[in-house]
All heavy atoms as atom14 arrays in JSON, in Angstrom:
{
  "sequence": "KEIAKRLSIPASTIRYYEKQGLLDIQRKNNNYREYSLEDEQKLKLILV",
  "atom14_mask": [
    [1, 1, 1, 1, 1, 1, 1, 1, 1, 0, 0, 0, 0, 0],
    [1, 1, 1, 1, 1, 1, 1, 1, 1, 0, 0, 0, 0, 0],
    [1, 1, 1, 1, 1, 1, 1, 1, 0, 0, 0, 0, 0, 0],
    [1, 1, 1, 1, 1, 0, 0, 0, 0, 0, 0, 0, 0, 0],
    [1, 1, 1, 1, 1, 1, 1, 1, 1, 0, 0, 0, 0, 0],
    [1, 1, 1, 1, 1, 1, 1, 1, 1, 1, 1, 0, 0, 0],
    [1, 1, 1, 1, 1, 1, 1, 1, 0, 0, 0, 0, 0, 0],
    [1, 1, 1, 1, 1, 1, 0, 0, 0, 0, 0, 0, 0, 0],
    [1, 1, 1, 1, 1, 1, 1, 1, 0, 0, 0, 0, 0, 0],
    [1, 1, 1, 1, 1, 1, 1, 0, 0, 0, 0, 0, 0, 0],
    [1, 1, 1, 1, 1, 0, 0, 0, 0, 0, 0, 0, 0, 0],
    [1, 1, 1, 1, 1, 1, 0, 0, 0, 0, 0, 0, 0, 0],
    [1, 1, 1, 1, 1, 1, 1, 0, 0, 0, 0, 0, 0, 0],
    [1, 1, 1, 1, 1, 1, 1, 1, 0, 0, 0, 0, 0, 0],
    [1, 1, 1, 1, 1, 1, 1, 1, 1, 1, 1, 0, 0, 0],
    [1, 1, 1, 1, 1, 1, 1, 1, 1, 1, 1, 1, 0, 0],
    [1, 1, 1, 1, 1, 1, 1, 1, 1, 1, 1, 1, 0, 0],
    [1, 1, 1, 1, 1, 1, 1, 1, 1, 0, 0, 0, 0, 0],
    [1, 1, 1, 1, 1, 1, 1, 1, 1, 0, 0, 0, 0, 0],
    [1, 1, 1, 1, 1, 1, 1, 1, 1, 0, 0, 0, 0, 0],
    [1, 1, 1, 1, 0, 0, 0, 0, 0, 0, 0, 0, 0, 0],
    [1, 1, 1, 1, 1, 1, 1, 1, 0, 0, 0, 0, 0, 0],
    [1, 1, 1, 1, 1, 1, 1, 1, 0, 0, 0, 0, 0, 0],
    [1, 1, 1, 1, 1, 1, 1, 1, 0, 0, 0, 0, 0, 0],
    [1, 1, 1, 1, 1, 1, 1, 1, 0, 0, 0, 0, 0, 0],
    [1, 1, 1, 1, 1, 1, 1, 1, 1, 0, 0, 0, 0, 0],
    [1, 1, 1, 1, 1, 1, 1, 1, 1, 1, 1, 0, 0, 0],
    [1, 1, 1, 1, 1, 1, 1, 1, 1, 0, 0, 0, 0, 0],
    [1, 1, 1, 1, 1, 1, 1, 1, 0, 0, 0, 0, 0, 0],
    [1, 1, 1, 1, 1, 1, 1, 1, 0, 0, 0, 0, 0, 0],
    [1, 1, 1, 1, 1, 1, 1, 1, 0, 0, 0, 0, 0, 0],
    [1, 1, 1, 1, 1, 1, 1, 1, 1, 1, 1, 1, 0, 0],
    [1, 1, 1, 1, 1, 1, 1, 1, 1, 1, 1, 0, 0, 0],
    [1, 1, 1, 1, 1, 1, 1, 1, 1, 0, 0, 0, 0, 0],
    [1, 1, 1, 1, 1, 1, 1, 1, 1, 1, 1, 1, 0, 0],
    [1, 1, 1, 1, 1, 1, 0, 0, 0, 0, 0, 0, 0, 0],
    [1, 1, 1, 1, 1, 1, 1, 1, 0, 0, 0, 0, 0, 0],
    [1, 1, 1, 1, 1, 1, 1, 1, 1, 0, 0, 0, 0, 0],
    [1, 1, 1, 1, 1, 1, 1, 1, 0, 0, 0, 0, 0, 0],
    [1, 1, 1, 1, 1, 1, 1, 1, 1, 0, 0, 0, 0, 0],
    [1, 1, 1, 1, 1, 1, 1, 1, 1, 0, 0, 0, 0, 0],
    [1, 1, 1, 1, 1, 1, 1, 1, 1, 0, 0, 0, 0, 0],
    [1, 1, 1, 1, 1, 1, 1, 1, 0, 0, 0, 0, 0, 0],
    [1, 1, 1, 1, 1, 1, 1, 1, 1, 0, 0, 0, 0, 0],
    [1, 1, 1, 1, 1, 1, 1, 1, 0, 0, 0, 0, 0, 0],
    [1, 1, 1, 1, 1, 1, 1, 1, 0, 0, 0, 0, 0, 0],
    [1, 1, 1, 1, 1, 1, 1, 1, 0, 0, 0, 0, 0, 0],
    [1, 1, 1, 1, 1, 1, 1, 0, 0, 0, 0, 0, 0, 0]
  ],
  "atom14_positions": [
    [[-50.43, 70.41, 118.91], [-49.06, 69.78, 119.16], [-49.15, 68.38, 119.12], [-48.29, 67.5, 118.58], [-48.6, 70.4, 120.42], [-47.2, 69.94, 120.73], [-46.68, 70.58, 121.98], [-45.31, 70.1, 122.41], [-44.78, 70.73, 123.62], [0.0, 0.0, 0.0], [0.0, 0.0, 0.0], [0.0, 0.0, 0.0], [0.0, 0.0, 0.0], [0.0, 0.0, 0.0]],
    [[-50.19, 67.72, 119.85], [-50.34, 66.32, 119.95], [-50.64, 65.67, 118.57], [-50.09, 64.69, 118.25], [-51.6, 65.99, 120.9], [-51.23, 66.39, 122.36], [-52.53, 66.36, 123.18], [-53.61, 66.48, 122.65], [-52.31, 66.28, 124.42], [0.0, 0.0, 0.0], [0.0, 0.0, 0.0], [0.0, 0.0, 0.0], [0.0, 0.0, 0.0], [0.0, 0.0, 0.0]],
    [[-51.52, 66.28, 117.72], [-51.83, 65.66, 116.53], [-50.66, 65.8, 115.62], [-50.44, 64.86, 114.73], [-53.13, 66.32, 115.87], [-53.7, 65.41, 114.88], [-52.96, 67.65, 115.22], [-55.08, 65.08, 115.11], [0.0, 0.0, 0.0], [0.0, 0.0, 0.0], [0.0, 0.0, 0.0], [0.0, 0.0, 0.0], [0.0, 0.0, 0.0], [0.0, 0.0, 0.0]],
    [[-49.88, 66.85, 115.58], [-48.72, 67.03, 114.71], [-47.7, 65.96, 115.05], [-47.12, 65.38, 114.18], [-48.12, 68.39, 114.89], [0.0, 0.0, 0.0], [0.0, 0.0, 0.0], [0.0, 0.0, 0.0], [0.0, 0.0, 0.0], [0.0, 0.0, 0.0], [0.0, 0.0, 0.0], [0.0, 0.0, 0.0], [0.0, 0.0, 0.0], [0.0, 0.0, 0.0]],
    [[-47.49, 65.68, 116.39], [-46.54, 64.71, 116.81], [-46.98, 63.29, 116.35], [-46.21, 62.52, 115.87], [-46.45, 64.82, 118.35], [-45.37, 63.81, 118.86], [-45.18, 63.91, 120.38], [-44.12, 62.96, 120.83], [-43.89, 63.03, 122.26], [0.0, 0.0, 0.0], [0.0, 0.0, 0.0], [0.0, 0.0, 0.0], [0.0, 0.0, 0.0], [0.0, 0.0, 0.0]],
    [[-48.27, 62.91, 116.61], [-48.82, 61.63, 116.15], [-48.57, 61.46, 114.67], [-48.35, 60.27, 114.24], [-50.26, 61.52, 116.57], [-50.43, 60.9, 117.96], [-51.92, 60.33, 118.17], [-52.96, 61.18, 117.82], [-53.48, 62.06, 118.68], [-53.0, 62.23, 119.85], [-54.53, 62.8, 118.35], [0.0, 0.0, 0.0], [0.0, 0.0, 0.0], [0.0, 0.0, 0.0]],
    [[-48.95, 62.46, 113.9], [-48.84, 62.32, 112.41], [-47.43, 62.62, 111.82], [-47.25, 62.6, 110.67], [-49.91, 63.18, 111.81], [-51.36, 62.83, 112.17], [-52.32, 63.76, 111.45], [-51.63, 61.43, 111.85], [0.0, 0.0, 0.0], [0.0, 0.0, 0.0], [0.0, 0.0, 0.0], [0.0, 0.0, 0.0], [0.0, 0.0, 0.0], [0.0, 0.0, 0.0]],
    [[-46.5, 62.99, 112.67], [-45.13, 63.29, 112.24], [-45.12, 64.46, 111.24], [-44.42, 64.26, 110.22], [-44.42, 62.13, 111.69], [-44.39, 61.1, 112.74], [0.0, 0.0, 0.0], [0.0, 0.0, 0.0], [0.0, 0.0, 0.0], [0.0, 0.0, 0.0], [0.0, 0.0, 0.0], [0.0, 0.0, 0.0], [0.0, 0.0, 0.0], [0.0, 0.0, 0.0]],
    [[-45.87, 65.46, 111.42], [-45.84, 66.68, 110.57], [-45.8, 67.88, 111.45], [-46.17, 67.93, 112.59], [-47.12, 66.7, 109.67], [-48.35, 66.85, 110.47], [-47.11, 65.6, 108.71], [-49.63, 67.04, 109.7], [0.0, 0.0, 0.0], [0.0, 0.0, 0.0], [0.0, 0.0, 0.0], [0.0, 0.0, 0.0], [0.0, 0.0, 0.0], [0.0, 0.0, 0.0]],
    [[-45.23, 69.02, 110.81], [-45.21, 70.26, 111.61], [-46.61, 70.84, 111.91], [-47.5, 70.67, 111.01], [-44.39, 71.18, 110.7], [-43.89, 70.43, 109.6], [-44.63, 69.12, 109.55], [0.0, 0.0, 0.0], [0.0, 0.0, 0.0], [0.0, 0.0, 0.0], [0.0, 0.0, 0.0], [0.0, 0.0, 0.0], [0.0, 0.0, 0.0], [0.0, 0.0, 0.0]],
    [[-46.83, 71.46, 112.96], [-48.04, 72.16, 113.27], [-48.43, 73.14, 112.16], [-49.57, 73.42, 111.83], [-47.98, 72.75, 114.69], [0.0, 0.0, 0.0], [0.0, 0.0, 0.0], [0.0, 0.0, 0.0], [0.0, 0.0, 0.0], [0.0, 0.0, 0.0], [0.0, 0.0, 0.0], [0.0, 0.0, 0.0], [0.0, 0.0, 0.0], [0.0, 0.0, 0.0]],
    [[-47.29, 73.82, 111.6], [-47.57, 74.73, 110.57], [-48.31, 74.17, 109.4], [-49.05, 74.84, 108.66], [-46.23, 75.44, 110.2], [-45.35, 74.5, 109.62], [0.0, 0.0, 0.0], [0.0, 0.0, 0.0], [0.0, 0.0, 0.0], [0.0, 0.0, 0.0], [0.0, 0.0, 0.0], [0.0, 0.0, 0.0], [0.0, 0.0, 0.0], [0.0, 0.0, 0.0]],
    [[-48.05, 72.91, 109.06], [-48.63, 72.26, 107.95], [-50.16, 72.09, 108.21], [-51.02, 72.32, 107.39], [-48.07, 70.83, 107.72], [-46.67, 71.01, 107.4], [-48.82, 70.05, 106.61], [0.0, 0.0, 0.0], [0.0, 0.0, 0.0], [0.0, 0.0, 0.0], [0.0, 0.0, 0.0], [0.0, 0.0, 0.0], [0.0, 0.0, 0.0], [0.0, 0.0, 0.0]],
    [[-50.51, 71.74, 109.48], [-51.89, 71.63, 109.82], [-52.6, 72.97, 109.75], [-53.74, 73.11, 109.2], [-51.99, 71.04, 111.27], [-51.41, 69.64, 111.3], [-53.5, 71.06, 111.71], [-51.28, 69.07, 112.72], [0.0, 0.0, 0.0], [0.0, 0.0, 0.0], [0.0, 0.0, 0.0], [0.0, 0.0, 0.0], [0.0, 0.0, 0.0], [0.0, 0.0, 0.0]],
    [[-51.92, 74.05, 110.24], [-52.55, 75.42, 110.13], [-52.68, 75.82, 108.71], [-53.73, 76.46, 108.28], [-51.59, 76.45, 110.83], [-51.71, 76.33, 112.32], [-50.89, 77.5, 112.95], [-50.42, 77.08, 114.25], [-49.2, 76.58, 114.54], [-48.26, 76.49, 113.55], [-48.81, 76.29, 115.79], [0.0, 0.0, 0.0], [0.0, 0.0, 0.0], [0.0, 0.0, 0.0]],
    [[-51.71, 75.42, 107.85], [-51.82, 75.79, 106.38], [-52.95, 75.13, 105.79], [-53.78, 75.77, 105.05], [-50.5, 75.36, 105.66], [-50.61, 75.5, 104.19], [-50.49, 76.73, 103.53], [-50.76, 74.39, 103.35], [-50.61, 76.9, 102.15], [-50.81, 74.49, 101.98], [-50.72, 75.76, 101.41], [-50.87, 75.9, 100.03], [0.0, 0.0, 0.0], [0.0, 0.0, 0.0]],
    [[-53.2, 73.85, 106.07], [-54.36, 73.11, 105.44], [-55.72, 73.74, 105.96], [-56.64, 73.82, 105.29], [-54.39, 71.61, 105.87], [-53.23, 70.81, 105.19], [-52.77, 69.67, 105.75], [-52.75, 71.24, 103.9], [-51.79, 68.98, 105.12], [-51.72, 70.58, 103.33], [-51.21, 69.42, 103.88], [-50.22, 68.7, 103.31], [0.0, 0.0, 0.0], [0.0, 0.0, 0.0]],
    [[-55.66, 74.21, 107.18], [-56.89, 74.92, 107.68], [-57.12, 76.21, 106.94], [-58.24, 76.53, 106.55], [-56.74, 75.19, 109.29], [-57.96, 75.69, 109.89], [-57.79, 75.99, 111.33], [-56.7, 75.62, 111.96], [-58.8, 76.5, 111.95], [0.0, 0.0, 0.0], [0.0, 0.0, 0.0], [0.0, 0.0, 0.0], [0.0, 0.0, 0.0], [0.0, 0.0, 0.0]],
    [[-56.01, 76.97, 106.77], [-56.2, 78.21, 105.95], [-56.68, 77.97, 104.57], [-57.39, 78.84, 104.03], [-54.77, 79.02, 105.95], [-54.41, 79.66, 107.27], [-53.15, 80.43, 107.1], [-52.74, 80.89, 108.41], [-51.39, 81.59, 108.4], [0.0, 0.0, 0.0], [0.0, 0.0, 0.0], [0.0, 0.0, 0.0], [0.0, 0.0, 0.0], [0.0, 0.0, 0.0]],
    [[-56.24, 76.88, 103.99], [-56.62, 76.53, 102.63], [-58.16, 76.0, 102.58], [-58.64, 75.75, 101.51], [-55.74, 75.45, 101.98], [-54.27, 75.99, 101.77], [-54.26, 77.27, 101.0], [-54.79, 77.32, 99.92], [-53.6, 78.28, 101.48], [0.0, 0.0, 0.0], [0.0, 0.0, 0.0], [0.0, 0.0, 0.0], [0.0, 0.0, 0.0], [0.0, 0.0, 0.0]],
    [[-58.77, 75.89, 103.72], [-60.18, 75.4, 103.71], [-60.34, 73.92, 103.64], [-61.43, 73.36, 103.51], [0.0, 0.0, 0.0], [0.0, 0.0, 0.0], [0.0, 0.0, 0.0], [0.0, 0.0, 0.0], [0.0, 0.0, 0.0], [0.0, 0.0, 0.0], [0.0, 0.0, 0.0], [0.0, 0.0, 0.0], [0.0, 0.0, 0.0], [0.0, 0.0, 0.0]],
    [[-59.25, 73.21, 103.93], [-59.34, 71.7, 103.95], [-59.81, 71.14, 105.26], [-60.39, 70.07, 105.3], [-57.97, 71.08, 103.53], [-57.4, 71.49, 102.28], [-56.03, 70.82, 102.03], [-58.28, 71.24, 101.1], [0.0, 0.0, 0.0], [0.0, 0.0, 0.0], [0.0, 0.0, 0.0], [0.0, 0.0, 0.0], [0.0, 0.0, 0.0], [0.0, 0.0, 0.0]],
    [[-59.52, 71.91, 106.35], [-59.99, 71.55, 107.68], [-60.82, 72.64, 108.3], [-60.52, 73.77, 108.1], [-58.72, 71.3, 108.52], [-57.75, 70.17, 108.14], [-56.51, 70.27, 108.94], [-58.47, 68.86, 108.38], [0.0, 0.0, 0.0], [0.0, 0.0, 0.0], [0.0, 0.0, 0.0], [0.0, 0.0, 0.0], [0.0, 0.0, 0.0], [0.0, 0.0, 0.0]],
    [[-61.81, 72.16, 109.06], [-62.65, 73.11, 109.81], [-62.59, 72.68, 111.24], [-63.35, 71.79, 111.62], [-64.14, 73.12, 109.29], [-64.91, 74.13, 110.0], [-64.46, 75.18, 110.46], [-66.18, 73.97, 110.05], [0.0, 0.0, 0.0], [0.0, 0.0, 0.0], [0.0, 0.0, 0.0], [0.0, 0.0, 0.0], [0.0, 0.0, 0.0], [0.0, 0.0, 0.0]],
    [[-61.65, 73.19, 112.01], [-61.38, 72.78, 113.32], [-62.14, 73.61, 114.31], [-62.18, 74.78, 114.26], [-59.81, 72.9, 113.56], [-59.03, 72.15, 112.47], [-59.41, 72.45, 115.02], [-59.36, 70.67, 112.34], [0.0, 0.0, 0.0], [0.0, 0.0, 0.0], [0.0, 0.0, 0.0], [0.0, 0.0, 0.0], [0.0, 0.0, 0.0], [0.0, 0.0, 0.0]],
    [[-62.67, 72.96, 115.35], [-63.38, 73.56, 116.43], [-62.29, 74.22, 117.37], [-61.14, 73.78, 117.47], [-64.17, 72.53, 117.26], [-65.24, 71.8, 116.41], [-66.23, 72.8, 115.78], [-66.74, 73.62, 116.58], [-66.62, 72.66, 114.61], [0.0, 0.0, 0.0], [0.0, 0.0, 0.0], [0.0, 0.0, 0.0], [0.0, 0.0, 0.0], [0.0, 0.0, 0.0]],
    [[-62.75, 75.24, 118.03], [-61.84, 75.89, 118.97], [-62.44, 75.97, 120.38], [-63.66, 76.04, 120.5], [-61.52, 77.32, 118.47], [-60.67, 77.33, 117.2], [-60.33, 78.78, 116.77], [-59.54, 78.7, 115.62], [-58.19, 78.91, 115.61], [-57.57, 79.09, 116.69], [-57.49, 78.86, 114.47], [0.0, 0.0, 0.0], [0.0, 0.0, 0.0], [0.0, 0.0, 0.0]],
    [[-61.63, 75.88, 121.27], [-62.09, 76.02, 122.74], [-62.37, 77.47, 123.04], [-62.15, 78.37, 122.22], [-60.95, 75.57, 123.73], [-60.65, 74.09, 123.54], [-59.43, 73.78, 124.55], [-58.94, 72.35, 124.4], [-57.9, 72.09, 125.38], [0.0, 0.0, 0.0], [0.0, 0.0, 0.0], [0.0, 0.0, 0.0], [0.0, 0.0, 0.0], [0.0, 0.0, 0.0]],
    [[-62.89, 77.73, 124.25], [-63.14, 79.07, 124.68], [-61.86, 80.0, 124.67], [-61.99, 81.2, 124.37], [-63.67, 79.14, 126.1], [-65.09, 78.51, 126.12], [-65.76, 78.49, 125.15], [-65.59, 78.09, 127.23], [0.0, 0.0, 0.0], [0.0, 0.0, 0.0], [0.0, 0.0, 0.0], [0.0, 0.0, 0.0], [0.0, 0.0, 0.0], [0.0, 0.0, 0.0]],
    [[-60.69, 79.39, 124.86], [-59.47, 80.11, 124.84], [-58.89, 80.27, 123.39], [-57.8, 80.69, 123.23], [-58.39, 79.48, 125.78], [-58.12, 78.04, 125.36], [-58.5, 77.51, 124.35], [-57.31, 77.38, 126.19], [0.0, 0.0, 0.0], [0.0, 0.0, 0.0], [0.0, 0.0, 0.0], [0.0, 0.0, 0.0], [0.0, 0.0, 0.0], [0.0, 0.0, 0.0]],
    [[-59.67, 79.85, 122.43], [-59.35, 79.95, 121.04], [-58.34, 78.85, 120.52], [-57.74, 79.03, 119.44], [-58.95, 81.38, 120.68], [-59.26, 81.67, 119.19], [-60.19, 81.06, 118.59], [-58.49, 82.58, 118.53], [0.0, 0.0, 0.0], [0.0, 0.0, 0.0], [0.0, 0.0, 0.0], [0.0, 0.0, 0.0], [0.0, 0.0, 0.0], [0.0, 0.0, 0.0]],
    [[-57.92, 77.97, 121.38], [-56.99, 76.87, 120.99], [-57.77, 75.87, 120.11], [-59.01, 75.66, 120.32], [-56.47, 76.19, 122.19], [-55.45, 76.86, 122.93], [-55.15, 78.23, 122.77], [-54.67, 76.24, 123.88], [-54.15, 78.9, 123.48], [-53.73, 76.94, 124.62], [-53.38, 78.22, 124.42], [-52.43, 78.86, 125.14], [0.0, 0.0, 0.0], [0.0, 0.0, 0.0]],
    [[-57.12, 75.33, 119.13], [-57.69, 74.35, 118.29], [-57.95, 73.08, 119.02], [-57.1, 72.59, 119.85], [-56.83, 74.09, 117.02], [-56.69, 75.22, 116.09], [-55.66, 74.95, 115.02], [-55.51, 76.0, 114.07], [-54.82, 77.13, 114.26], [-54.14, 77.3, 115.32], [-54.76, 78.06, 113.31], [0.0, 0.0, 0.0], [0.0, 0.0, 0.0], [0.0, 0.0, 0.0]],
    [[-59.01, 72.41, 118.68], [-59.37, 71.15, 119.31], [-59.64, 70.15, 118.32], [-60.55, 70.27, 117.56], [-60.63, 71.33, 120.23], [-60.74, 70.49, 121.34], [-61.89, 70.91, 122.2], [-62.96, 71.31, 121.71], [-61.76, 70.89, 123.42], [0.0, 0.0, 0.0], [0.0, 0.0, 0.0], [0.0, 0.0, 0.0], [0.0, 0.0, 0.0], [0.0, 0.0, 0.0]],
    [[-58.82, 69.03, 118.18], [-58.94, 68.06, 117.1], [-59.6, 66.85, 117.59], [-59.2, 66.18, 118.53], [-57.61, 67.66, 116.56], [-56.9, 68.95, 115.9], [-56.18, 69.85, 116.69], [-57.06, 69.19, 114.6], [-55.53, 70.92, 116.06], [-56.47, 70.29, 113.94], [-55.69, 71.09, 114.77], [-55.14, 72.24, 114.18], [0.0, 0.0, 0.0], [0.0, 0.0, 0.0]],
    [[-60.62, 66.36, 116.9], [-61.31, 65.17, 117.18], [-60.68, 64.0, 116.41], [-59.83, 64.22, 115.63], [-62.81, 65.3, 116.72], [-62.91, 65.38, 115.38], [0.0, 0.0, 0.0], [0.0, 0.0, 0.0], [0.0, 0.0, 0.0], [0.0, 0.0, 0.0], [0.0, 0.0, 0.0], [0.0, 0.0, 0.0], [0.0, 0.0, 0.0], [0.0, 0.0, 0.0]],
    [[-61.19, 62.73, 116.64], [-60.65, 61.65, 115.87], [-61.03, 61.72, 114.42], [-60.3, 61.36, 113.52], [-61.24, 60.28, 116.47], [-60.67, 59.92, 117.88], [-61.4, 58.67, 118.47], [-59.23, 59.71, 117.78], [0.0, 0.0, 0.0], [0.0, 0.0, 0.0], [0.0, 0.0, 0.0], [0.0, 0.0, 0.0], [0.0, 0.0, 0.0], [0.0, 0.0, 0.0]],
    [[-62.2, 62.36, 114.18], [-62.66, 62.59, 112.82], [-61.69, 63.54, 112.13], [-61.37, 63.45, 110.92], [-64.09, 63.13, 112.82], [-64.66, 63.27, 111.43], [-66.16, 63.77, 111.48], [-66.89, 63.26, 112.33], [-66.46, 64.66, 110.59], [0.0, 0.0, 0.0], [0.0, 0.0, 0.0], [0.0, 0.0, 0.0], [0.0, 0.0, 0.0], [0.0, 0.0, 0.0]],
    [[-61.28, 64.61, 112.84], [-60.36, 65.63, 112.27], [-59.01, 64.95, 111.89], [-58.43, 65.21, 110.9], [-60.13, 66.76, 113.27], [-61.37, 67.57, 113.45], [-62.19, 67.72, 112.57], [-61.49, 68.1, 114.66], [0.0, 0.0, 0.0], [0.0, 0.0, 0.0], [0.0, 0.0, 0.0], [0.0, 0.0, 0.0], [0.0, 0.0, 0.0], [0.0, 0.0, 0.0]],
    [[-58.57, 64.07, 112.81], [-57.32, 63.39, 112.64], [-57.41, 62.46, 111.4], [-56.48, 62.51, 110.57], [-56.92, 62.53, 113.84], [-55.6, 61.86, 113.69], [-55.22, 61.17, 115.0], [-55.75, 61.42, 116.05], [-54.23, 60.37, 114.91], [0.0, 0.0, 0.0], [0.0, 0.0, 0.0], [0.0, 0.0, 0.0], [0.0, 0.0, 0.0], [0.0, 0.0, 0.0]],
    [[-58.55, 61.75, 111.21], [-58.76, 60.92, 110.13], [-58.76, 61.67, 108.75], [-58.23, 61.36, 107.75], [-60.05, 60.09, 110.25], [-60.08, 58.92, 109.39], [-58.96, 57.91, 109.77], [-58.56, 57.76, 110.8], [-58.47, 57.19, 108.75], [0.0, 0.0, 0.0], [0.0, 0.0, 0.0], [0.0, 0.0, 0.0], [0.0, 0.0, 0.0], [0.0, 0.0, 0.0]],
    [[-59.45, 62.83, 108.87], [-59.49, 63.72, 107.71], [-58.06, 64.25, 107.33], [-57.65, 64.33, 106.12], [-60.41, 64.9, 107.95], [-60.77, 65.76, 106.69], [-61.8, 66.82, 107.11], [-62.25, 67.54, 105.82], [-63.34, 68.48, 106.2], [0.0, 0.0, 0.0], [0.0, 0.0, 0.0], [0.0, 0.0, 0.0], [0.0, 0.0, 0.0], [0.0, 0.0, 0.0]],
    [[-57.3, 64.61, 108.3], [-56.02, 65.01, 108.05], [-55.07, 63.93, 107.46], [-54.31, 64.16, 106.57], [-55.33, 65.57, 109.35], [-54.02, 66.25, 109.35], [-54.06, 67.4, 108.3], [-53.71, 66.82, 110.63], [0.0, 0.0, 0.0], [0.0, 0.0, 0.0], [0.0, 0.0, 0.0], [0.0, 0.0, 0.0], [0.0, 0.0, 0.0], [0.0, 0.0, 0.0]],
    [[-55.34, 62.76, 107.89], [-54.58, 61.6, 107.35], [-54.92, 61.41, 105.85], [-54.07, 61.23, 105.0], [-54.88, 60.27, 108.06], [-54.21, 60.17, 109.38], [-54.64, 58.8, 110.09], [-54.18, 58.75, 111.51], [-54.62, 57.41, 112.11], [0.0, 0.0, 0.0], [0.0, 0.0, 0.0], [0.0, 0.0, 0.0], [0.0, 0.0, 0.0], [0.0, 0.0, 0.0]],
    [[-56.29, 61.47, 105.54], [-56.67, 61.5, 104.2], [-56.02, 62.54, 103.29], [-55.55, 62.28, 102.18], [-58.24, 61.66, 104.12], [-58.83, 61.68, 102.7], [-58.51, 60.42, 101.91], [-60.32, 61.88, 102.76], [0.0, 0.0, 0.0], [0.0, 0.0, 0.0], [0.0, 0.0, 0.0], [0.0, 0.0, 0.0], [0.0, 0.0, 0.0], [0.0, 0.0, 0.0]],
    [[-55.96, 63.79, 103.89], [-55.31, 64.89, 103.14], [-53.89, 64.54, 102.87], [-53.3, 64.84, 101.7], [-55.48, 66.21, 103.87], [-56.93, 66.65, 103.97], [-54.53, 67.29, 103.34], [-57.21, 67.75, 105.0], [0.0, 0.0, 0.0], [0.0, 0.0, 0.0], [0.0, 0.0, 0.0], [0.0, 0.0, 0.0], [0.0, 0.0, 0.0], [0.0, 0.0, 0.0]],
    [[-53.13, 64.04, 103.85], [-51.78, 63.64, 103.74], [-51.54, 62.63, 102.7], [-50.63, 62.64, 101.84], [-51.22, 63.32, 105.13], [-51.08, 64.44, 106.13], [-50.78, 63.88, 107.5], [-50.11, 65.47, 105.68], [0.0, 0.0, 0.0], [0.0, 0.0, 0.0], [0.0, 0.0, 0.0], [0.0, 0.0, 0.0], [0.0, 0.0, 0.0], [0.0, 0.0, 0.0]],
    [[-52.41, 61.55, 102.67], [-52.31, 60.56, 101.7], [-52.58, 61.07, 100.29], [-51.86, 60.74, 99.31], [-53.36, 59.35, 102.06], [-53.55, 58.4, 100.87], [-52.93, 58.63, 103.37], [0.0, 0.0, 0.0], [0.0, 0.0, 0.0], [0.0, 0.0, 0.0], [0.0, 0.0, 0.0], [0.0, 0.0, 0.0], [0.0, 0.0, 0.0], [0.0, 0.0, 0.0]]
  ]
}
């Protein structure tokens, strides 16, 4: 939610990129996605 808001894109877009194999996101113990600064930069590259 935080990363989607910062990048002004829907969370569903981020999930789609992950399903397509463009992102490999770490998950917490509760299975929530956890985005690092590197993940955010990679997502910006994908969007560009």
